[in-house]
PDB file of N, CA and C in Angstrom:
ATOM      1  N   MET A   1       2.299  19.269  22.279  1.00  0.00           N
ATOM      2  CA  MET A   1       1.508  19.726  21.168  1.00  0.00           C
ATOM      3  C   MET A   1       1.784  18.859  19.951  1.00  0.00           C
ATOM      4  N   GLU A   2       0.737  18.417  19.299  1.00  0.00           N
ATOM      5  CA  GLU A   2       0.863  17.550  18.141  1.00  0.00           C
ATOM      6  C   GLU A   2       1.268  18.363  16.914  1.00  0.00           C
ATOM      7  N   ARG A   3       2.254  17.870  16.185  1.00  0.00           N
ATOM      8  CA  ARG A   3       2.720  18.542  14.977  1.00  0.00           C
ATOM      9  C   ARG A   3       1.952  18.011  13.781  1.00  0.00           C
ATOM     10  N   LEU A   4       1.382  18.900  12.994  1.00  0.00           N
ATOM     11  CA  LEU A   4       0.670  18.521  11.791  1.00  0.00           C
ATOM     12  C   LEU A   4       1.554  18.752  10.582  1.00  0.00           C
ATOM     13  N   ILE A   5       1.437  17.877   9.609  1.00  0.00           N
ATOM     14  CA  ILE A   5       2.168  18.062   8.365  1.00  0.00           C
ATOM     15  C   ILE A   5       1.347  19.000   7.501  1.00  0.00           C
ATOM     16  N   SER A   6       1.957  20.088   7.051  1.00  0.00           N
ATOM     17  CA  SER A   6       1.203  21.118   6.357  1.00  0.00           C
ATOM     18  C   SER A   6       1.294  21.024   4.848  1.00  0.00           C
ATOM     19  N   GLY A   7       1.988  20.089   4.319  1.00  0.00           N
ATOM     20  CA  GLY A   7       2.106  19.971   2.871  1.00  0.00           C
ATOM     21  C   GLY A   7       2.534  18.574   2.493  1.00  0.00           C
ATOM     22  N   PRO A   8       2.605  18.312   1.209  1.00  0.00           N
ATOM     23  CA  PRO A   8       2.981  16.961   0.764  1.00  0.00           C
ATOM     24  C   PRO A   8       4.447  16.667   1.049  1.00  0.00           C
ATOM     25  N   LEU A   9       4.703  15.410   1.336  1.00  0.00           N
ATOM     26  CA  LEU A   9       6.072  14.927   1.511  1.00  0.00           C
ATOM     27  C   LEU A   9       6.397  14.039   0.327  1.00  0.00           C
ATOM     28  N   GLN A  10       7.636  14.068  -0.099  1.00  0.00           N
ATOM     29  CA  GLN A  10       8.035  13.237  -1.212  1.00  0.00           C
ATOM     30  C   GLN A  10       9.254  12.434  -0.802  1.00  0.00           C
ATOM     31  N   GLY A  11       9.243  11.146  -1.080  1.00  0.00           N
ATOM     32  CA  GLY A  11      10.378  10.300  -0.758  1.00  0.00           C
ATOM     33  C   GLY A  11       9.921   8.879  -0.520  1.00  0.00           C
ATOM     34  N   ASP A  12      10.863   8.028  -0.277  1.00  0.00           N
ATOM     35  CA  ASP A  12      10.594   6.614  -0.035  1.00  0.00           C
ATOM     36  C   ASP A  12      10.375   6.411   1.464  1.00  0.00           C
ATOM     37  N   VAL A  13       9.288   5.768   1.819  1.00  0.00           N
ATOM     38  CA  VAL A  13       8.961   5.543   3.226  1.00  0.00           C
ATOM     39  C   VAL A  13      10.073   4.765   3.945  1.00  0.00           C
ATOM     40  N   LEU A  14      10.856   4.005   3.208  1.00  0.00           N
ATOM     41  CA  LEU A  14      11.960   3.260   3.826  1.00  0.00           C
ATOM     42  C   LEU A  14      13.036   4.189   4.377  1.00  0.00           C
ATOM     43  N   HIS A  15      13.097   5.409   3.860  1.00  0.00           N
ATOM     44  CA  HIS A  15      14.136   6.348   4.281  1.00  0.00           C
ATOM     45  C   HIS A  15      13.599   7.468   5.157  1.00  0.00           C
ATOM     46  N   TRP A  16      12.358   7.346   5.591  1.00  0.00           N
ATOM     47  CA  TRP A  16      11.755   8.378   6.417  1.00  0.00           C
ATOM     48  C   TRP A  16      12.003   8.025   7.871  1.00  0.00           C
ATOM     49  N   ASN A  17      12.854   8.773   8.528  1.00  0.00           N
ATOM     50  CA  ASN A  17      13.235   8.503   9.908  1.00  0.00           C
ATOM     51  C   ASN A  17      12.426   9.414  10.833  1.00  0.00           C
ATOM     52  N   THR A  18      11.383   8.872  11.433  1.00  0.00           N
ATOM     53  CA  THR A  18      10.539   9.658  12.332  1.00  0.00           C
ATOM     54  C   THR A  18       9.930   8.747  13.385  1.00  0.00           C
ATOM     55  N   ASP A  19       9.583   9.336  14.508  1.00  0.00           N
ATOM     56  CA  ASP A  19       8.864   8.617  15.556  1.00  0.00           C
ATOM     57  C   ASP A  19       7.376   8.932  15.506  1.00  0.00           C
ATOM     58  N   GLN A  20       6.985   9.779  14.553  1.00  0.00           N
ATOM     59  CA  GLN A  20       5.577  10.158  14.443  1.00  0.00           C
ATOM     60  C   GLN A  20       4.721   8.970  14.031  1.00  0.00           C
ATOM     61  N   GLN A  21       3.449   9.024  14.476  1.00  0.00           N
ATOM     62  CA  GLN A  21       2.462   8.064  14.002  1.00  0.00           C
ATOM     63  C   GLN A  21       1.249   8.854  13.519  1.00  0.00           C
ATOM     64  N   PHE A  22       0.513   8.250  12.627  1.00  0.00           N
ATOM     65  CA  PHE A  22      -0.604   8.922  12.001  1.00  0.00           C
ATOM     66  C   PHE A  22      -1.887   8.127  12.188  1.00  0.00           C
ATOM     67  N   ASP A  23      -2.989   8.849  12.375  1.00  0.00           N
ATOM     68  CA  ASP A  23      -4.302   8.210  12.532  1.00  0.00           C
ATOM     69  C   ASP A  23      -4.741   7.509  11.250  1.00  0.00           C
ATOM     70  N   ILE A  24      -4.397   8.095  10.114  1.00  0.00           N
ATOM     71  CA  ILE A  24      -4.755   7.526   8.814  1.00  0.00           C
ATOM     72  C   ILE A  24      -3.536   7.590   7.901  1.00  0.00           C
ATOM     73  N   THR A  25      -3.222   6.475   7.291  1.00  0.00           N
ATOM     74  CA  THR A  25      -2.156   6.410   6.295  1.00  0.00           C
ATOM     75  C   THR A  25      -2.781   5.904   5.003  1.00  0.00           C
ATOM     76  N   ILE A  26      -2.429   6.544   3.885  1.00  0.00           N
ATOM     77  CA  ILE A  26      -3.044   6.213   2.601  1.00  0.00           C
ATOM     78  C   ILE A  26      -1.954   5.888   1.587  1.00  0.00           C
ATOM     79  N   ALA A  27      -2.126   4.766   0.870  1.00  0.00           N
ATOM     80  CA  ALA A  27      -1.219   4.389  -0.217  1.00  0.00           C
ATOM     81  C   ALA A  27      -2.073   4.101  -1.453  1.00  0.00           C
ATOM     82  N   ILE A  28      -2.224   5.113  -2.279  1.00  0.00           N
ATOM     83  CA  ILE A  28      -2.999   4.980  -3.515  1.00  0.00           C
ATOM     84  C   ILE A  28      -2.096   5.411  -4.662  1.00  0.00           C
ATOM     85  N   GLY A  29      -2.002   4.567  -5.695  1.00  0.00           N
ATOM     86  CA  GLY A  29      -1.131   4.872  -6.814  1.00  0.00           C
ATOM     87  C   GLY A  29       0.335   4.664  -6.485  1.00  0.00           C
ATOM     88  N   VAL A  30       0.600   3.848  -5.476  1.00  0.00           N
ATOM     89  CA  VAL A  30       1.969   3.604  -5.017  1.00  0.00           C
ATOM     90  C   VAL A  30       2.356   2.147  -5.233  1.00  0.00           C
ATOM     91  N   LEU A  31       1.522   1.255  -4.774  1.00  0.00           N
ATOM     92  CA  LEU A  31       1.863  -0.168  -4.760  1.00  0.00           C
ATOM     93  C   LEU A  31       1.947  -0.762  -6.160  1.00  0.00           C
ATOM     94  N   ASP A  32       1.395  -0.065  -7.136  1.00  0.00           N
ATOM     95  CA  ASP A  32       1.474  -0.491  -8.540  1.00  0.00           C
ATOM     96  C   ASP A  32       2.926  -0.638  -8.995  1.00  0.00           C
ATOM     97  N   TYR A  33       3.819   0.122  -8.390  1.00  0.00           N
ATOM     98  CA  TYR A  33       5.185   0.240  -8.884  1.00  0.00           C
ATOM     99  C   TYR A  33       6.222  -0.393  -7.964  1.00  0.00           C
ATOM    100  N   ILE A  34       5.763  -1.224  -7.034  1.00  0.00           N
ATOM    101  CA  ILE A  34       6.667  -1.868  -6.073  1.00  0.00           C
ATOM    102  C   ILE A  34       6.533  -3.382  -6.214  1.00  0.00           C
ATOM    103  N   ALA A  35       7.602  -4.020  -6.663  1.00  0.00           N
ATOM    104  CA  ALA A  35       7.562  -5.466  -6.919  1.00  0.00           C
ATOM    105  C   ALA A  35       7.363  -6.271  -5.637  1.00  0.00           C
ATOM    106  N   GLN A  36       8.086  -5.906  -4.593  1.00  0.00           N
ATOM    107  CA  GLN A  36       8.008  -6.609  -3.313  1.00  0.00           C
ATOM    108  C   GLN A  36       7.646  -5.590  -2.232  1.00  0.00           C
ATOM    109  N   PRO A  37       6.359  -5.419  -1.928  1.00  0.00           N
ATOM    110  CA  PRO A  37       5.935  -4.332  -1.046  1.00  0.00           C
ATOM    111  C   PRO A  37       6.095  -4.570   0.455  1.00  0.00           C
ATOM    112  N   LEU A  38       6.516  -5.746   0.887  1.00  0.00           N
ATOM    113  CA  LEU A  38       6.503  -6.065   2.317  1.00  0.00           C
ATOM    114  C   LEU A  38       7.345  -5.099   3.155  1.00  0.00           C
ATOM    115  N   SER A  39       8.542  -4.775   2.727  1.00  0.00           N
ATOM    116  CA  SER A  39       9.385  -3.887   3.549  1.00  0.00           C
ATOM    117  C   SER A  39       8.742  -2.506   3.690  1.00  0.00           C
ATOM    118  N   ARG A  40       8.120  -2.018   2.641  1.00  0.00           N
ATOM    119  CA  ARG A  40       7.462  -0.712   2.726  1.00  0.00           C
ATOM    120  C   ARG A  40       6.198  -0.786   3.573  1.00  0.00           C
ATOM    121  N   LEU A  41       5.479  -1.893   3.485  1.00  0.00           N
ATOM    122  CA  LEU A  41       4.290  -2.052   4.328  1.00  0.00           C
ATOM    123  C   LEU A  41       4.678  -2.104   5.803  1.00  0.00           C
ATOM    124  N   LYS A  42       5.803  -2.723   6.121  1.00  0.00           N
ATOM    125  CA  LYS A  42       6.277  -2.741   7.509  1.00  0.00           C
ATOM    126  C   LYS A  42       6.637  -1.335   7.973  1.00  0.00           C
ATOM    127  N   ALA A  43       7.249  -0.545   7.096  1.00  0.00           N
ATOM    128  CA  ALA A  43       7.570   0.844   7.434  1.00  0.00           C
ATOM    129  C   ALA A  43       6.289   1.655   7.624  1.00  0.00           C
ATOM    130  N   ILE A  44       5.299   1.418   6.768  1.00  0.00           N
ATOM    131  CA  ILE A  44       4.011   2.099   6.899  1.00  0.00           C
ATOM    132  C   ILE A  44       3.343   1.698   8.200  1.00  0.00           C
ATOM    133  N   ARG A  45       3.452   0.437   8.567  1.00  0.00           N
ATOM    134  CA  ARG A  45       2.849  -0.039   9.824  1.00  0.00           C
ATOM    135  C   ARG A  45       3.420   0.713  11.030  1.00  0.00           C
ATOM    136  N   LYS A  46       4.723   0.983  11.024  1.00  0.00           N
ATOM    137  CA  LYS A  46       5.348   1.725  12.125  1.00  0.00           C
ATOM    138  C   LYS A  46       4.802   3.148  12.230  1.00  0.00           C
ATOM    139  N   LEU A  47       4.354   3.696  11.103  1.00  0.00           N
ATOM    140  CA  LEU A  47       3.837   5.062  11.066  1.00  0.00           C
ATOM    141  C   LEU A  47       2.346   5.148  11.364  1.00  0.00           C
ATOM    142  N   THR A  48       1.658   4.011  11.359  1.00  0.00           N
ATOM    143  CA  THR A  48       0.198   4.003  11.398  1.00  0.00           C
ATOM    144  C   THR A  48      -0.324   3.594  12.767  1.00  0.00           C
ATOM    145  N   SER A  49      -1.074   4.500  13.400  1.00  0.00           N
ATOM    146  CA  SER A  49      -1.702   4.172  14.675  1.00  0.00           C
ATOM    147  C   SER A  49      -3.171   3.810  14.480  1.00  0.00           C
ATOM    148  N   GLY A  50      -3.732   4.193  13.365  1.00  0.00           N
ATOM    149  CA  GLY A  50      -5.155   3.951  13.115  1.00  0.00           C
ATOM    150  C   GLY A  50      -5.395   3.186  11.833  1.00  0.00           C
ATOM    151  N   MET A  51      -6.013   3.829  10.887  1.00  0.00           N
ATOM    152  CA  MET A  51      -6.470   3.182   9.664  1.00  0.00           C
ATOM    153  C   MET A  51      -5.430   3.276   8.548  1.00  0.00           C
ATOM    154  N   PHE A  52      -5.307   2.195   7.772  1.00  0.00           N
ATOM    155  CA  PHE A  52      -4.461   2.180   6.579  1.00  0.00           C
ATOM    156  C   PHE A  52      -5.356   1.881   5.383  1.00  0.00           C
ATOM    157  N   LEU A  53      -5.437   2.828   4.468  1.00  0.00           N
ATOM    158  CA  LEU A  53      -6.216   2.664   3.244  1.00  0.00           C
ATOM    159  C   LEU A  53      -5.246   2.473   2.090  1.00  0.00           C
ATOM    160  N   SER A  54      -5.494   1.450   1.278  1.00  0.00           N
ATOM    161  CA  SER A  54      -4.586   1.185   0.160  1.00  0.00           C
ATOM    162  C   SER A  54      -5.359   0.704  -1.056  1.00  0.00           C
ATOM    163  N   ALA A  55      -4.797   0.992  -2.221  1.00  0.00           N
ATOM    164  CA  ALA A  55      -5.355   0.524  -3.493  1.00  0.00           C
ATOM    165  C   ALA A  55      -4.287  -0.306  -4.183  1.00  0.00           C
ATOM    166  N   TRP A  56      -4.692  -1.474  -4.640  1.00  0.00           N
ATOM    167  CA  TRP A  56      -3.787  -2.443  -5.255  1.00  0.00           C
ATOM    168  C   TRP A  56      -4.320  -2.792  -6.644  1.00  0.00           C
ATOM    169  N   PRO A  57      -3.496  -2.725  -7.690  1.00  0.00           N
ATOM    170  CA  PRO A  57      -3.967  -3.125  -9.008  1.00  0.00           C
ATOM    171  C   PRO A  57      -4.226  -4.633  -9.052  1.00  0.00           C
ATOM    172  N   ARG A  58      -5.395  -4.980  -9.576  1.00  0.00           N
ATOM    173  CA  ARG A  58      -5.812  -6.385  -9.601  1.00  0.00           C
ATOM    174  C   ARG A  58      -5.106  -7.167 -10.707  1.00  0.00           C
ATOM    175  N   PHE A  59      -4.734  -8.394 -10.358  1.00  0.00           N
ATOM    176  CA  PHE A  59      -4.132  -9.318 -11.325  1.00  0.00           C
ATOM    177  C   PHE A  59      -5.211  -9.860 -12.249  1.00  0.00           C
ATOM    178  N   TRP A  60      -4.933  -9.915 -13.501  1.00  0.00           N
ATOM    179  CA  TRP A  60      -5.768 -10.461 -14.576  1.00  0.00           C
ATOM    180  C   TRP A  60      -7.139  -9.810 -14.714  1.00  0.00           C
ATOM    181  N   THR A  61      -7.122  -8.505 -14.801  1.00  0.00           N
ATOM    182  CA  THR A  61      -8.304  -7.796 -15.270  1.00  0.00           C
ATOM    183  C   THR A  61      -8.110  -7.596 -16.770  1.00  0.00           C
ATOM    184  N   TRP A  62      -9.123  -7.198 -17.472  1.00  0.00           N
ATOM    185  CA  TRP A  62      -9.007  -7.067 -18.925  1.00  0.00           C
ATOM    186  C   TRP A  62      -8.017  -5.979 -19.334  1.00  0.00           C
ATOM    187  N   ARG A  63      -7.793  -4.961 -18.493  1.00  0.00           N
ATOM    188  CA  ARG A  63      -6.853  -3.882 -18.832  1.00  0.00           C
ATOM    189  C   ARG A  63      -5.429  -4.170 -18.377  1.00  0.00           C
ATOM    190  N   MET A  64      -5.231  -5.193 -17.560  1.00  0.00           N
ATOM    191  CA  MET A  64      -3.907  -5.469 -17.014  1.00  0.00           C
ATOM    192  C   MET A  64      -2.845  -5.647 -18.100  1.00  0.00           C
ATOM    193  N   PRO A  65      -3.053  -6.519 -19.108  1.00  0.00           N
ATOM    194  CA  PRO A  65      -1.991  -6.700 -20.110  1.00  0.00           C
ATOM    195  C   PRO A  65      -1.696  -5.416 -20.898  1.00  0.00           C
ATOM    196  N   ILE A  66      -2.716  -4.642 -21.172  1.00  0.00           N
ATOM    197  CA  ILE A  66      -2.529  -3.395 -21.911  1.00  0.00           C
ATOM    198  C   ILE A  66      -1.666  -2.432 -21.095  1.00  0.00           C
ATOM    199  N   ARG A  67      -1.991  -2.277 -19.831  1.00  0.00           N
ATOM    200  CA  ARG A  67      -1.232  -1.376 -18.963  1.00  0.00           C
ATOM    201  C   ARG A  67       0.201  -1.860 -18.798  1.00  0.00           C
ATOM    202  N   LYS A  68       0.380  -3.165 -18.635  1.00  0.00           N
ATOM    203  CA  LYS A  68       1.718  -3.742 -18.455  1.00  0.00           C
ATOM    204  C   LYS A  68       2.592  -3.439 -19.670  1.00  0.00           C
ATOM    205  N   VAL A  69       2.069  -3.667 -20.866  1.00  0.00           N
ATOM    206  CA  VAL A  69       2.837  -3.428 -22.088  1.00  0.00           C
ATOM    207  C   VAL A  69       3.116  -1.935 -22.261  1.00  0.00           C
ATOM    208  N   ARG A  70       2.099  -1.115 -22.085  1.00  0.00           N
ATOM    209  CA  ARG A  70       2.254   0.333 -22.294  1.00  0.00           C
ATOM    210  C   ARG A  70       3.316   0.912 -21.358  1.00  0.00           C
ATOM    211  N   LEU A  71       3.251   0.575 -20.072  1.00  0.00           N
ATOM    212  CA  LEU A  71       4.222   1.118 -19.129  1.00  0.00           C
ATOM    213  C   LEU A  71       5.606   0.495 -19.294  1.00  0.00           C
ATOM    214  N   SER A  72       5.664  -0.793 -19.626  1.00  0.00           N
ATOM    215  CA  SER A  72       6.958  -1.454 -19.839  1.00  0.00           C
ATOM    216  C   SER A  72       7.698  -0.839 -21.024  1.00  0.00           C
ATOM    217  N   MET A  73       6.960  -0.454 -22.062  1.00  0.00           N
ATOM    218  CA  MET A  73       7.583   0.161 -23.237  1.00  0.00           C
ATOM    219  C   MET A  73       8.211   1.509 -22.897  1.00  0.00           C
ATOM    220  N   SER A  74       7.701   2.168 -21.872  1.00  0.00           N
ATOM    221  CA  SER A  74       8.275   3.450 -21.479  1.00  0.00           C
ATOM    222  C   SER A  74       9.276   3.290 -20.322  1.00  0.00           C
ATOM    223  N   GLY A  75       9.634   2.044 -19.993  1.00  0.00           N
ATOM    224  CA  GLY A  75      10.632   1.790 -18.966  1.00  0.00           C
ATOM    225  C   GLY A  75      10.111   1.841 -17.542  1.00  0.00           C
ATOM    226  N   CYS A  76       8.799   1.758 -17.381  1.00  0.00           N
ATOM    227  CA  CYS A  76       8.193   1.824 -16.053  1.00  0.00           C
ATOM    228  C   CYS A  76       7.576   0.473 -15.697  1.00  0.00           C
ATOM    229  N   PRO A  77       8.208  -0.282 -14.807  1.00  0.00           N
ATOM    230  CA  PRO A  77       7.605  -1.560 -14.418  1.00  0.00           C
ATOM    231  C   PRO A  77       6.330  -1.326 -13.608  1.00  0.00           C
ATOM    232  N   VAL A  78       5.374  -2.203 -13.777  1.00  0.00           N
ATOM    233  CA  VAL A  78       4.119  -2.126 -13.033  1.00  0.00           C
ATOM    234  C   VAL A  78       3.780  -3.540 -12.557  1.00  0.00           C
ATOM    235  N   TYR A  79       3.162  -3.632 -11.393  1.00  0.00           N
ATOM    236  CA  TYR A  79       2.898  -4.931 -10.775  1.00  0.00           C
ATOM    237  C   TYR A  79       1.418  -5.039 -10.428  1.00  0.00           C
ATOM    238  N   PHE A  80       0.926  -6.266 -10.428  1.00  0.00           N
ATOM    239  CA  PHE A  80      -0.478  -6.551 -10.170  1.00  0.00           C
ATOM    240  C   PHE A  80      -0.551  -7.633  -9.104  1.00  0.00           C
ATOM    241  N   PHE A  81      -1.628  -7.618  -8.326  1.00  0.00           N
ATOM    242  CA  PHE A  81      -1.686  -8.475  -7.143  1.00  0.00           C
ATOM    243  C   PHE A  81      -2.985  -9.270  -7.081  1.00  0.00           C
ATOM    244  N   ARG A  82      -2.855 -10.486  -6.581  1.00  0.00           N
ATOM    245  CA  ARG A  82      -4.032 -11.305  -6.267  1.00  0.00           C
ATOM    246  C   ARG A  82      -4.465 -10.968  -4.840  1.00  0.00           C
ATOM    247  N   ARG A  83      -5.735 -11.128  -4.573  1.00  0.00           N
ATOM    248  CA  ARG A  83      -6.285 -10.821  -3.247  1.00  0.00           C
ATOM    249  C   ARG A  83      -5.540 -11.573  -2.143  1.00  0.00           C
ATOM    250  N   SER A  84      -5.263 -12.852  -2.360  1.00  0.00           N
ATOM    251  CA  SER A  84      -4.596 -13.658  -1.331  1.00  0.00           C
ATOM    252  C   SER A  84      -3.202 -13.107  -1.017  1.00  0.00           C
ATOM    253  N   HIS A  85      -2.503 -12.593  -2.025  1.00  0.00           N
ATOM    254  CA  HIS A  85      -1.170 -12.029  -1.791  1.00  0.00           C
ATOM    255  C   HIS A  85      -1.258 -10.738  -0.995  1.00  0.00           C
ATOM    256  N   ILE A  86      -2.256  -9.930  -1.282  1.00  0.00           N
ATOM    257  CA  ILE A  86      -2.447  -8.671  -0.552  1.00  0.00           C
ATOM    258  C   ILE A  86      -2.677  -8.956   0.930  1.00  0.00           C
ATOM    259  N   PHE A  87      -3.578  -9.898   1.216  1.00  0.00           N
ATOM    260  CA  PHE A  87      -3.880 -10.246   2.599  1.00  0.00           C
ATOM    261  C   PHE A  87      -2.627 -10.779   3.300  1.00  0.00           C
ATOM    262  N   HIS A  88      -1.837 -11.571   2.592  1.00  0.00           N
ATOM    263  CA  HIS A  88      -0.598 -12.112   3.161  1.00  0.00           C
ATOM    264  C   HIS A  88       0.387 -10.984   3.471  1.00  0.00           C
ATOM    265  N   TYR A  89       0.617 -10.095   2.504  1.00  0.00           N
ATOM    266  CA  TYR A  89       1.538  -8.973   2.726  1.00  0.00           C
ATOM    267  C   TYR A  89       1.100  -8.124   3.920  1.00  0.00           C
ATOM    268  N   LEU A  90      -0.173  -7.794   3.975  1.00  0.00           N
ATOM    269  CA  LEU A  90      -0.662  -6.945   5.064  1.00  0.00           C
ATOM    270  C   LEU A  90      -0.533  -7.646   6.417  1.00  0.00           C
ATOM    271  N   SER A  91      -0.842  -8.925   6.457  1.00  0.00           N
ATOM    272  CA  SER A  91      -0.709  -9.684   7.694  1.00  0.00           C
ATOM    273  C   SER A  91       0.752  -9.740   8.146  1.00  0.00           C
ATOM    274  N   GLU A  92       1.654 -10.025   7.225  1.00  0.00           N
ATOM    275  CA  GLU A  92       3.079 -10.090   7.554  1.00  0.00           C
ATOM    276  C   GLU A  92       3.622  -8.745   8.026  1.00  0.00           C
ATOM    277  N   ALA A  93       3.026  -7.660   7.550  1.00  0.00           N
ATOM    278  CA  ALA A  93       3.464  -6.322   7.939  1.00  0.00           C
ATOM    279  C   ALA A  93       2.871  -5.886   9.278  1.00  0.00           C
ATOM    280  N   GLY A  94       1.899  -6.650   9.792  1.00  0.00           N
ATOM    281  CA  GLY A  94       1.313  -6.320  11.089  1.00  0.00           C
ATOM    282  C   GLY A  94      -0.034  -5.626  11.018  1.00  0.00           C
ATOM    283  N   PHE A  95      -0.744  -5.827   9.913  1.00  0.00           N
ATOM    284  CA  PHE A  95      -2.082  -5.263   9.753  1.00  0.00           C
ATOM    285  C   PHE A  95      -3.142  -6.357   9.772  1.00  0.00           C
ATOM    286  N   ILE A  96      -4.348  -5.961  10.129  1.00  0.00           N
ATOM    287  CA  ILE A  96      -5.535  -6.809  10.004  1.00  0.00           C
ATOM    288  C   ILE A  96      -6.453  -6.145   8.987  1.00  0.00           C
ATOM    289  N   VAL A  97      -6.862  -6.893   7.977  1.00  0.00           N
ATOM    290  CA  VAL A  97      -7.771  -6.355   6.964  1.00  0.00           C
ATOM    291  C   VAL A  97      -9.170  -6.282   7.557  1.00  0.00           C
ATOM    292  N   GLU A  98      -9.752  -5.087   7.544  1.00  0.00           N
ATOM    293  CA  GLU A  98     -11.125  -4.888   8.021  1.00  0.00           C
ATOM    294  C   GLU A  98     -12.133  -5.026   6.892  1.00  0.00           C
ATOM    295  N   SER A  99     -11.781  -4.518   5.719  1.00  0.00           N
ATOM    296  CA  SER A  99     -12.682  -4.633   4.584  1.00  0.00           C
ATOM    297  C   SER A  99     -11.897  -4.478   3.293  1.00  0.00           C
ATOM    298  N   TRP A 100     -12.451  -4.984   2.220  1.00  0.00           N
ATOM    299  CA  TRP A 100     -11.848  -4.847   0.902  1.00  0.00           C
ATOM    300  C   TRP A 100     -12.966  -4.883  -0.130  1.00  0.00           C
ATOM    301  N   ASP A 101     -12.729  -4.209  -1.223  1.00  0.00           N
ATOM    302  CA  ASP A 101     -13.680  -4.206  -2.337  1.00  0.00           C
ATOM    303  C   ASP A 101     -12.901  -4.258  -3.630  1.00  0.00           C
ATOM    304  N   ALA A 102     -13.429  -4.996  -4.596  1.00  0.00           N
ATOM    305  CA  ALA A 102     -12.902  -4.944  -5.957  1.00  0.00           C
ATOM    306  C   ALA A 102     -13.656  -3.819  -6.647  1.00  0.00           C
ATOM    307  N   VAL A 103     -12.932  -2.762  -6.996  1.00  0.00           N
ATOM    308  CA  VAL A 103     -13.524  -1.597  -7.637  1.00  0.00           C
ATOM    309  C   VAL A 103     -12.819  -1.420  -8.978  1.00  0.00           C
ATOM    310  N   GLY A 104     -13.489  -1.806 -10.040  1.00  0.00           N
ATOM    311  CA  GLY A 104     -12.867  -1.722 -11.359  1.00  0.00           C
ATOM    312  C   GLY A 104     -11.597  -2.546 -11.414  1.00  0.00           C
ATOM    313  N   GLN A 105     -10.494  -1.874 -11.701  1.00  0.00           N
ATOM    314  CA  GLN A 105      -9.203  -2.542 -11.857  1.00  0.00           C
ATOM    315  C   GLN A 105      -8.421  -2.662 -10.549  1.00  0.00           C
ATOM    316  N   LEU A 106      -9.039  -2.241  -9.440  1.00  0.00           N
ATOM    317  CA  LEU A 106      -8.326  -2.169  -8.156  1.00  0.00           C
ATOM    318  C   LEU A 106      -8.978  -3.007  -7.067  1.00  0.00           C
ATOM    319  N   TYR A 107      -8.148  -3.398  -6.100  1.00  0.00           N
ATOM    320  CA  TYR A 107      -8.639  -3.844  -4.801  1.00  0.00           C
ATOM    321  C   TYR A 107      -8.442  -2.658  -3.862  1.00  0.00           C
ATOM    322  N   CYS A 108      -9.498  -2.216  -3.229  1.00  0.00           N
ATOM    323  CA  CYS A 108      -9.429  -1.139  -2.247  1.00  0.00           C
ATOM    324  C   CYS A 108      -9.554  -1.774  -0.871  1.00  0.00           C
ATOM    325  N   VAL A 109      -8.545  -1.549  -0.031  1.00  0.00           N
ATOM    326  CA  VAL A 109      -8.434  -2.274   1.232  1.00  0.00           C
ATOM    327  C   VAL A 109      -8.363  -1.294   2.402  1.00  0.00           C
ATOM    328  N   LYS A 110      -9.137  -1.608   3.439  1.00  0.00           N
ATOM    329  CA  LYS A 110      -9.075  -0.882   4.698  1.00  0.00           C
ATOM    330  C   LYS A 110      -8.506  -1.843   5.741  1.00  0.00           C
ATOM    331  N   ALA A 111      -7.415  -1.433   6.386  1.00  0.00           N
ATOM    332  CA  ALA A 111      -6.763  -2.288   7.380  1.00  0.00           C
ATOM    333  C   ALA A 111      -6.421  -1.461   8.615  1.00  0.00           C
ATOM    334  N   ARG A 112      -6.171  -2.156   9.710  1.00  0.00           N
ATOM    335  CA  ARG A 112      -5.752  -1.513  10.954  1.00  0.00           C
ATOM    336  C   ARG A 112      -4.563  -2.296  11.511  1.00  0.00           C
ATOM    337  N   PRO A 113      -3.755  -1.633  12.324  1.00  0.00           N
ATOM    338  CA  PRO A 113      -2.645  -2.353  12.958  1.00  0.00           C
ATOM    339  C   PRO A 113      -3.157  -3.510  13.816  1.00  0.00           C
ATOM    340  N   SER A 114      -2.477  -4.614  13.733  1.00  0.00           N
ATOM    341  CA  SER A 114      -2.820  -5.770  14.556  1.00  0.00           C
ATOM    342  C   SER A 114      -2.477  -5.450  16.002  1.00  0.00           C
ATOM    343  N   PRO A 115      -3.361  -5.807  16.937  1.00  0.00           N
ATOM    344  CA  PRO A 115      -3.051  -5.563  18.349  1.00  0.00           C
ATOM    345  C   PRO A 115      -1.858  -6.416  18.826  1.00  0.00           C
ATOM    346  N   HIS A 116      -1.548  -7.459  18.090  1.00  0.00           N
ATOM    347  CA  HIS A 116      -0.450  -8.354  18.461  1.00  0.00           C
ATOM    348  C   HIS A 116       0.878  -7.899  17.890  1.00  0.00           C
ATOM    349  N   GLY A 117       0.826  -6.897  16.989  1.00  0.00           N
ATOM    350  CA  GLY A 117       2.055  -6.394  16.367  1.00  0.00           C
ATOM    351  C   GLY A 117       2.698  -7.431  15.488  1.00  0.00           C
ATOM    352  N   ARG A 118       3.879  -7.113  15.023  1.00  0.00           N
ATOM    353  CA  ARG A 118       4.668  -8.049  14.208  1.00  0.00           C
ATOM    354  C   ARG A 118       6.106  -7.842  14.503  1.00  0.00           C
TER     355      ARG A 118
END
């Protein structure tokens, strides 16, 4: 019998010890705050059997410098990504990008696990 998660989980994916896999994994409002996302993307890949949806803050949009200064002043680092870096990170983690869109200040990416693994 398949176990369903009935509520939100909180914690770092690097410390989540499970053999479960999920049909859909979503990372929205997460990657903004991770300087080097590759290790977490690899952990997400181990959890993902189907689709991975992610939102990445775009590098050099008109709001980027404002957000960087505002959050830095409150002690919260924030990171922005170029499309080529996103594709590289996802590929290195074992994903294939199926589609992506620039939506406002974000890159919205749909990826699936690579059949070749990593």
